[in-house]
Amino acid sequence: MLDLTADPVALTAALIDIPSVSRGEARIADEVEAALRKQAPGYEVIRNGNAVLARTAFGKPTRVLLAGHLDTVPIADNVPSWRDGDRLFGCGTSDMKSGDAVFLHLAATVTDPAHDVTLVFYDCEEIESSANGLGRIERELPDWLRADLAILGEPTDGHIEAGCQGTLRVLISTTGTRAHSARSWLGDNAIHKLAAVLDRLAGYRPRQVDIDGCTYREGLSAVCVDGGVAGNVIPDAASLTVNFRFAPDRSPSDALAHVKAVFDGLDIDLRQTDVAAGALPGLRNPAAAALIDAAGGSVRAKYGWTDVSRFAARGVAAVNYGPGDPNLAHRRDESVDVGRIAQATEILRNYLTMR
């Protein structure tokens, strides 16, 4: 059984050594559930698919929710874990089993918290959003997501990263007339029509937006191009996928309107294929402000999209805070600084017990 009272670094290694690629979280969920039932007195523990939820009911004036996903990207010859000096290596060290270990350790060792605490360890975060276990919990067990503050253990390298940016993808398509490339004047090259789209992207100047002291940096980027029939054929169809990362002061509809305006006047078909709203920082929330104080005031914007957006949509202030380095997530040499694990544990312990 996982020892939740052990050094969080050792607990991180133990979690890494349980393979849990998305859709294969049954064993790690079994282990986490069993450990919480035995080693976290005062918590009600339930299971939902391959997600494990636990909460206290001490009647405290505020509730803090600690959430982390149990799944990882596919293993790349990096399980089991190994230690090299001050770094622990292995699949999920950064994203985000080190964060999970901190939360589990605190559940077992903070016996008199200043807040009621909810723990949510969920499945399938690393794949399509329709499979996301937190989304399933939101549909089936919404009462479990009520809180004054939600802390997501996503990798932030020991900084509090507030809110998150939204993400929008559009497919831009062009059409033409197919012809033999030896007689190109008889055709209309659909790929060439993408040049005007790429010119707009090359000249685009993204916004930087300050919200509650956090600077969000937008970006509009081509991420995929498709077209061509054969080496001797003028193509009659081509497409470009464009991803817009937008600051949380824009709604998804505002973001789509902005992208359409960027490409206005071009001979294209533009279709939205995916969107997820961002989340405002919510730093004026008293519970969030207290966490920032406990962390010494270190806070910055979250550029990527995370599940804090789900909480923000429910009116729950949410931040990202974890010991992992986001620049190392998903890499073959993924690792975490063990000092960051100790630091996150101490900061969150102080916050959960601060009166």
Protein backbone atom coordinates (compact mmCIF):
# COMPACT_ATOMS: atom_id res chain seq x y z
CA MET A 1 0.00 0.00 0.00
CA LEU A 2 1.11 3.58 -0.69
CA ASP A 3 2.48 5.21 2.45
CA LEU A 4 0.90 8.67 2.49
CA THR A 5 2.86 9.71 5.57
CA ALA A 6 6.21 9.02 3.89
CA ASP A 7 8.46 11.73 2.48
CA PRO A 8 6.50 13.22 -0.46
CA VAL A 9 9.52 12.59 -2.70
CA ALA A 10 9.32 8.86 -1.94
CA LEU A 11 5.56 9.00 -2.43
CA THR A 12 6.07 10.67 -5.82
CA ALA A 13 8.40 7.84 -6.85
CA ALA A 14 5.88 5.25 -5.71
CA LEU A 15 3.15 6.89 -7.81
CA ILE A 16 5.42 7.05 -10.86
CA ASP A 17 6.16 3.35 -10.49
CA ILE A 18 2.46 2.58 -11.03
CA PRO A 19 1.91 2.96 -14.80
CA SER A 20 -1.20 5.06 -15.45
CA VAL A 21 -1.36 6.07 -19.09
CA SER A 22 -4.74 7.65 -19.93
CA ARG A 23 -7.55 5.06 -19.84
CA GLY A 24 -5.29 2.76 -17.82
CA GLU A 25 -5.69 4.35 -14.37
CA ALA A 26 -7.56 1.52 -12.64
CA ARG A 27 -4.58 0.26 -10.63
CA ILE A 28 -3.38 3.67 -9.44
CA ALA A 29 -6.95 4.64 -8.55
CA ASP A 30 -7.25 1.39 -6.54
CA GLU A 31 -4.02 2.21 -4.68
CA VAL A 32 -4.98 5.83 -3.97
CA GLU A 33 -8.46 4.84 -2.81
CA ALA A 34 -7.16 2.15 -0.46
CA ALA A 35 -4.50 4.46 1.00
CA LEU A 36 -6.96 7.30 1.64
CA ARG A 37 -9.48 4.98 3.29
CA LYS A 38 -6.81 3.69 5.71
CA GLN A 39 -4.55 6.68 6.26
CA ALA A 40 -6.72 9.82 6.00
CA PRO A 41 -9.01 9.82 9.03
CA GLY A 42 -11.90 12.26 8.87
CA TYR A 43 -12.31 11.96 5.09
CA GLU A 44 -15.33 10.53 3.33
CA VAL A 45 -13.94 8.60 0.35
CA ILE A 46 -15.83 7.60 -2.79
CA ARG A 47 -14.94 6.19 -6.20
CA ASN A 48 -16.25 7.39 -9.56
CA GLY A 49 -14.91 5.32 -12.43
CA ASN A 50 -11.15 5.67 -12.17
CA ALA A 51 -11.43 8.85 -10.11
CA VAL A 52 -11.09 8.98 -6.33
CA LEU A 53 -12.74 11.72 -4.27
CA ALA A 54 -12.43 12.47 -0.56
CA ARG A 55 -13.65 15.27 1.68
CA THR A 56 -13.89 16.38 5.27
CA ALA A 57 -16.99 17.73 6.98
CA PHE A 58 -15.57 19.53 10.02
CA GLY A 59 -17.90 22.52 9.67
CA LYS A 60 -15.08 24.95 8.85
CA PRO A 61 -16.07 28.35 7.41
CA THR A 62 -14.27 27.73 4.11
CA ARG A 63 -13.52 24.78 1.83
CA VAL A 64 -10.37 24.24 -0.23
CA LEU A 65 -10.35 21.72 -3.07
CA LEU A 66 -7.11 20.04 -4.15
CA ALA A 67 -7.37 18.43 -7.59
CA GLY A 68 -4.90 16.41 -9.63
CA HIS A 69 -5.09 14.01 -12.54
CA LEU A 70 -3.78 10.48 -12.13
CA ASP A 71 -3.05 9.77 -15.79
CA THR A 72 0.11 10.37 -17.81
CA VAL A 73 1.03 10.53 -21.46
CA PRO A 74 2.40 7.25 -22.95
CA ILE A 75 5.49 5.92 -21.21
CA ALA A 76 8.77 6.51 -23.06
CA ASP A 77 11.11 4.00 -21.36
CA ASN A 78 10.88 6.18 -18.24
CA VAL A 79 9.10 3.92 -15.74
CA PRO A 80 10.12 2.94 -13.08
CA SER A 81 11.45 6.18 -11.61
CA TRP A 82 15.07 6.88 -10.79
CA ARG A 83 16.93 9.50 -8.75
CA ASP A 84 19.97 11.48 -9.84
CA GLY A 85 21.12 13.98 -7.24
CA ASP A 86 18.39 16.53 -6.58
CA ARG A 87 16.21 15.35 -9.46
CA LEU A 88 13.66 12.55 -9.65
CA PHE A 89 13.07 11.19 -13.14
CA GLY A 90 10.16 9.30 -14.66
CA CYS A 91 6.92 9.57 -16.57
CA GLY A 92 4.61 11.94 -14.72
CA THR A 93 7.20 13.36 -12.30
CA SER A 94 6.37 16.89 -13.42
CA ASP A 95 2.89 16.41 -14.88
CA MET A 96 1.69 15.76 -12.29
CA LYS A 97 2.40 12.93 -9.89
CA SER A 98 4.59 15.16 -7.74
CA GLY A 99 1.56 17.41 -7.22
CA ASP A 100 -0.62 14.39 -6.46
CA ALA A 101 1.93 13.17 -3.91
CA VAL A 102 1.92 16.53 -2.11
CA PHE A 103 -1.90 16.51 -1.89
CA LEU A 104 -2.04 12.90 -0.66
CA HIS A 105 0.67 13.50 1.93
CA LEU A 106 -1.15 16.55 3.31
CA ALA A 107 -4.43 14.63 3.52
CA ALA A 108 -2.77 12.08 5.79
CA THR A 109 -0.68 14.46 7.89
CA VAL A 110 -2.74 17.65 8.35
CA THR A 111 -5.13 16.49 11.06
CA ASP A 112 -6.59 19.86 12.09
CA PRO A 113 -6.96 22.03 8.96
CA ALA A 114 -8.27 25.58 9.09
CA HIS A 115 -10.51 24.77 6.11
CA ASP A 116 -12.60 21.80 5.15
CA VAL A 117 -10.72 19.99 2.39
CA THR A 118 -11.87 18.16 -0.73
CA LEU A 119 -9.53 15.95 -2.76
CA VAL A 120 -10.25 15.06 -6.37
CA PHE A 121 -7.90 12.66 -8.17
CA TYR A 122 -9.25 12.10 -11.67
CA ASP A 123 -8.60 10.24 -14.88
CA CYS A 124 -8.12 10.97 -18.61
CA GLU A 125 -6.90 14.56 -18.41
CA GLU A 126 -4.16 14.03 -21.00
CA ILE A 127 -6.52 13.05 -23.84
CA GLU A 128 -9.61 14.50 -25.51
CA SER A 129 -11.71 16.70 -23.24
CA SER A 130 -14.81 14.55 -23.76
CA ALA A 131 -13.08 11.79 -21.77
CA ASN A 132 -11.85 14.07 -18.95
CA GLY A 133 -12.74 12.57 -15.58
CA LEU A 134 -13.24 15.99 -14.01
CA GLY A 135 -15.89 16.73 -16.61
CA ARG A 136 -17.61 13.46 -15.71
CA ILE A 137 -17.52 14.36 -12.02
CA GLU A 138 -18.94 17.78 -12.86
CA ARG A 139 -21.89 16.09 -14.58
CA GLU A 140 -22.47 13.28 -12.08
CA LEU A 141 -21.26 14.66 -8.72
CA PRO A 142 -21.38 18.48 -8.97
CA ASP A 143 -21.77 18.88 -5.20
CA TRP A 144 -18.25 17.52 -4.78
CA LEU A 145 -16.80 20.47 -6.70
CA ARG A 146 -18.14 23.17 -4.37
CA ALA A 147 -15.34 25.14 -2.74
CA ASP A 148 -14.09 28.61 -1.91
CA LEU A 149 -10.80 27.90 -3.68
CA ALA A 150 -9.62 25.12 -6.00
CA ILE A 151 -5.92 24.37 -6.34
CA LEU A 152 -4.88 22.32 -9.39
CA GLY A 153 -1.56 20.54 -8.94
CA GLU A 154 -0.47 21.24 -12.52
CA PRO A 155 3.27 21.87 -13.00
CA THR A 156 4.11 25.51 -12.26
CA ASP A 157 7.70 25.12 -11.00
CA GLY A 158 6.67 26.25 -7.54
CA HIS A 159 4.89 29.44 -8.63
CA ILE A 160 1.21 30.15 -8.28
CA GLU A 161 -0.15 30.49 -11.82
CA ALA A 162 -3.50 32.24 -11.84
CA GLY A 163 -6.38 31.54 -14.17
CA CYS A 164 -5.62 30.26 -17.65
CA GLN A 165 -5.87 31.32 -21.24
CA GLY A 166 -8.57 30.03 -23.55
CA THR A 167 -7.89 28.01 -26.67
CA LEU A 168 -9.68 28.11 -30.01
CA ARG A 169 -8.95 26.16 -33.17
CA VAL A 170 -10.29 26.95 -36.62
CA LEU A 171 -9.90 25.14 -39.92
CA ILE A 172 -9.26 27.49 -42.82
CA SER A 173 -10.01 25.88 -46.19
CA THR A 174 -9.35 27.03 -49.73
CA THR A 175 -10.60 25.57 -53.00
CA GLY A 176 -9.37 25.73 -56.59
CA THR A 177 -9.40 23.78 -59.83
CA ARG A 178 -7.43 20.58 -60.35
CA ALA A 179 -5.15 20.37 -63.40
CA HIS A 180 -1.96 18.73 -64.65
CA SER A 181 1.05 20.59 -63.31
CA ALA A 182 2.53 20.69 -66.82
CA ARG A 183 -0.44 22.88 -67.74
CA SER A 184 -0.74 24.80 -64.46
CA TRP A 185 -2.45 27.75 -66.15
CA LEU A 186 -5.49 25.55 -66.61
CA GLY A 187 -5.85 25.07 -62.87
CA ASP A 188 -6.36 27.19 -59.77
CA ASN A 189 -3.91 26.23 -57.02
CA ALA A 190 -5.65 25.95 -53.63
CA ILE A 191 -2.35 25.73 -51.75
CA HIS A 192 -1.19 29.05 -53.20
CA LYS A 193 -4.32 30.67 -51.79
CA LEU A 194 -3.08 29.85 -48.29
CA ALA A 195 -0.25 32.34 -48.83
CA ALA A 196 -2.56 35.23 -48.02
CA VAL A 197 -3.59 33.49 -44.80
CA LEU A 198 0.04 32.93 -43.82
CA ASP A 199 0.85 36.56 -44.59
CA ARG A 200 -1.84 37.66 -42.13
CA LEU A 201 -0.41 35.33 -39.49
CA ALA A 202 3.16 36.51 -40.08
CA GLY A 203 2.08 40.12 -39.60
CA TYR A 204 -0.16 39.48 -36.61
CA ARG A 205 0.74 41.32 -33.40
CA PRO A 206 -0.71 39.54 -30.34
CA ARG A 207 -1.98 41.36 -27.26
CA GLN A 208 -0.42 41.28 -23.83
CA VAL A 209 -3.11 41.81 -21.22
CA ASP A 210 -2.67 42.64 -17.54
CA ILE A 211 -5.41 41.25 -15.30
CA ASP A 212 -5.06 41.46 -11.51
CA GLY A 213 -1.31 41.98 -11.93
CA CYS A 214 -0.90 38.90 -14.17
CA THR A 215 0.25 39.39 -17.76
CA TYR A 216 -1.39 37.07 -20.28
CA ARG A 217 0.22 36.74 -23.72
CA GLU A 218 -2.03 35.83 -26.62
CA GLY A 219 -0.88 33.93 -29.69
CA LEU A 220 -2.33 33.15 -33.13
CA SER A 221 -0.45 30.33 -34.82
CA ALA A 222 -0.67 27.94 -37.75
CA VAL A 223 -0.32 24.45 -36.29
CA CYS A 224 -1.17 22.12 -39.19
CA VAL A 225 -1.32 22.35 -42.98
CA ASP A 226 -2.90 19.87 -45.36
CA GLY A 227 -3.12 19.78 -49.13
CA GLY A 228 -1.88 18.19 -52.31
CA VAL A 229 -2.94 15.31 -54.55
CA ALA A 230 0.17 14.07 -56.33
CA GLY A 231 3.52 15.34 -57.52
CA ASN A 232 2.12 16.32 -60.90
CA VAL A 233 -1.32 17.67 -59.95
CA ILE A 234 -2.40 21.24 -59.22
CA PRO A 235 -4.40 20.81 -55.96
CA ASP A 236 -8.03 21.82 -55.81
CA ALA A 237 -8.26 21.84 -51.99
CA ALA A 238 -6.02 22.84 -49.09
CA SER A 239 -6.47 23.66 -45.43
CA LEU A 240 -4.68 25.22 -42.51
CA THR A 241 -5.43 24.71 -38.81
CA VAL A 242 -4.95 27.83 -36.73
CA ASN A 243 -4.82 27.89 -32.93
CA PHE A 244 -5.68 31.05 -31.01
CA ARG A 245 -4.59 31.21 -27.37
CA PHE A 246 -6.62 34.07 -25.92
CA ALA A 247 -6.52 35.99 -22.65
CA PRO A 248 -9.32 35.24 -20.19
CA ASP A 249 -10.90 38.66 -20.65
CA ARG A 250 -12.23 37.35 -23.99
CA SER A 251 -15.19 34.96 -24.18
CA PRO A 252 -15.08 32.11 -26.73
CA SER A 253 -17.47 34.04 -28.97
CA ASP A 254 -15.27 37.15 -28.70
CA ALA A 255 -12.25 35.04 -29.60
CA LEU A 256 -13.94 33.59 -32.69
CA ALA A 257 -15.06 37.05 -33.80
CA HIS A 258 -11.47 38.29 -33.44
CA VAL A 259 -10.06 35.45 -35.54
CA LYS A 260 -12.66 36.04 -38.24
CA ALA A 261 -11.72 39.72 -38.28
CA VAL A 262 -8.02 38.88 -38.74
CA PHE A 263 -8.80 36.94 -41.94
CA ASP A 264 -11.63 39.14 -43.17
CA GLY A 265 -11.71 39.70 -46.93
CA LEU A 266 -9.78 36.56 -47.91
CA ASP A 267 -11.18 33.90 -50.26
CA ILE A 268 -11.43 31.21 -47.60
CA ASP A 269 -13.85 29.10 -45.62
CA LEU A 270 -13.30 29.38 -41.86
CA ARG A 271 -14.82 26.88 -39.45
CA GLN A 272 -14.38 26.54 -35.69
CA THR A 273 -13.34 23.01 -34.70
CA ASP A 274 -12.60 23.31 -30.99
CA VAL A 275 -12.83 25.85 -28.17
CA ALA A 276 -12.33 26.02 -24.41
CA ALA A 277 -12.90 29.15 -22.36
CA GLY A 278 -10.17 30.69 -20.24
CA ALA A 279 -10.39 31.52 -16.55
CA LEU A 280 -9.91 34.89 -14.88
CA PRO A 281 -7.33 34.97 -12.07
CA GLY A 282 -9.81 35.48 -9.22
CA LEU A 283 -7.01 36.74 -7.00
CA ARG A 284 -9.27 39.11 -5.12
CA ASN A 285 -11.01 36.14 -3.57
CA PRO A 286 -9.96 36.08 0.12
CA ALA A 287 -9.06 32.38 0.00
CA ALA A 288 -6.84 32.93 -3.04
CA ALA A 289 -5.23 35.99 -1.46
CA ALA A 290 -4.38 33.98 1.64
CA LEU A 291 -2.69 31.30 -0.51
CA ILE A 292 -0.62 33.95 -2.28
CA ASP A 293 0.46 35.32 1.09
CA ALA A 294 1.46 31.83 2.21
CA ALA A 295 3.54 31.46 -0.96
CA GLY A 296 5.35 34.74 -0.37
CA GLY A 297 3.43 36.67 -3.00
CA SER A 298 4.79 34.68 -5.96
CA VAL A 299 2.11 34.65 -8.66
CA ARG A 300 2.06 34.79 -12.46
CA ALA A 301 -0.30 34.12 -15.36
CA LYS A 302 -1.00 30.62 -16.69
CA TYR A 303 -0.49 30.64 -20.45
CA GLY A 304 -1.83 27.17 -21.21
CA TRP A 305 -5.38 25.92 -20.75
CA THR A 306 -6.03 23.86 -17.62
CA ASP A 307 -9.01 22.54 -15.70
CA VAL A 308 -9.09 25.72 -13.59
CA SER A 309 -11.44 26.86 -16.36
CA ARG A 310 -14.05 24.34 -15.22
CA PHE A 311 -13.99 25.76 -11.70
CA ALA A 312 -14.05 29.37 -12.87
CA ALA A 313 -17.17 28.60 -14.92
CA ARG A 314 -18.77 27.38 -11.68
CA GLY A 315 -17.85 30.57 -9.84
CA VAL A 316 -15.03 28.94 -7.87
CA ALA A 317 -11.73 30.82 -7.66
CA ALA A 318 -9.00 28.50 -8.92
CA VAL A 319 -5.22 28.55 -9.33
CA ASN A 320 -2.54 26.20 -10.62
CA TYR A 321 0.19 25.29 -8.15
CA GLY A 322 2.53 22.33 -8.35
CA PRO A 323 6.21 21.44 -7.92
CA GLY A 324 6.75 20.23 -11.48
CA ASP A 325 8.37 22.26 -14.24
CA PRO A 326 5.94 22.69 -17.17
CA ASN A 327 8.89 22.87 -19.59
CA LEU A 328 9.76 19.26 -18.73
CA ALA A 329 6.26 17.78 -18.97
CA HIS A 330 5.75 14.91 -21.43
CA ARG A 331 9.45 14.58 -22.24
CA ARG A 332 11.40 11.34 -22.27
CA ASP A 333 13.68 12.87 -19.62
CA GLU A 334 10.79 14.31 -17.58
CA SER A 335 11.92 15.10 -14.04
CA VAL A 336 11.21 17.18 -10.96
CA ASP A 337 13.47 19.02 -8.53
CA VAL A 338 12.93 17.29 -5.18
CA GLY A 339 13.40 20.63 -3.42
CA ARG A 340 10.29 21.93 -5.19
CA ILE A 341 8.30 19.00 -3.78
CA ALA A 342 9.40 19.86 -0.24
CA GLN A 343 8.68 23.55 -0.84
CA ALA A 344 5.15 22.94 -2.17
CA THR A 345 4.39 20.63 0.72
CA GLU A 346 5.46 23.20 3.29
CA ILE A 347 3.66 26.13 1.65
CA LEU A 348 0.39 24.23 1.34
CA ARG A 349 0.73 22.86 4.87
CA ASN A 350 1.09 26.41 6.16
CA TYR A 351 -1.89 27.55 4.10
CA LEU A 352 -4.17 24.70 5.19
CA THR A 353 -3.36 25.26 8.87
CA MET A 354 -3.21 29.09 8.85
CA ARG A 355 -5.76 30.67 11.19
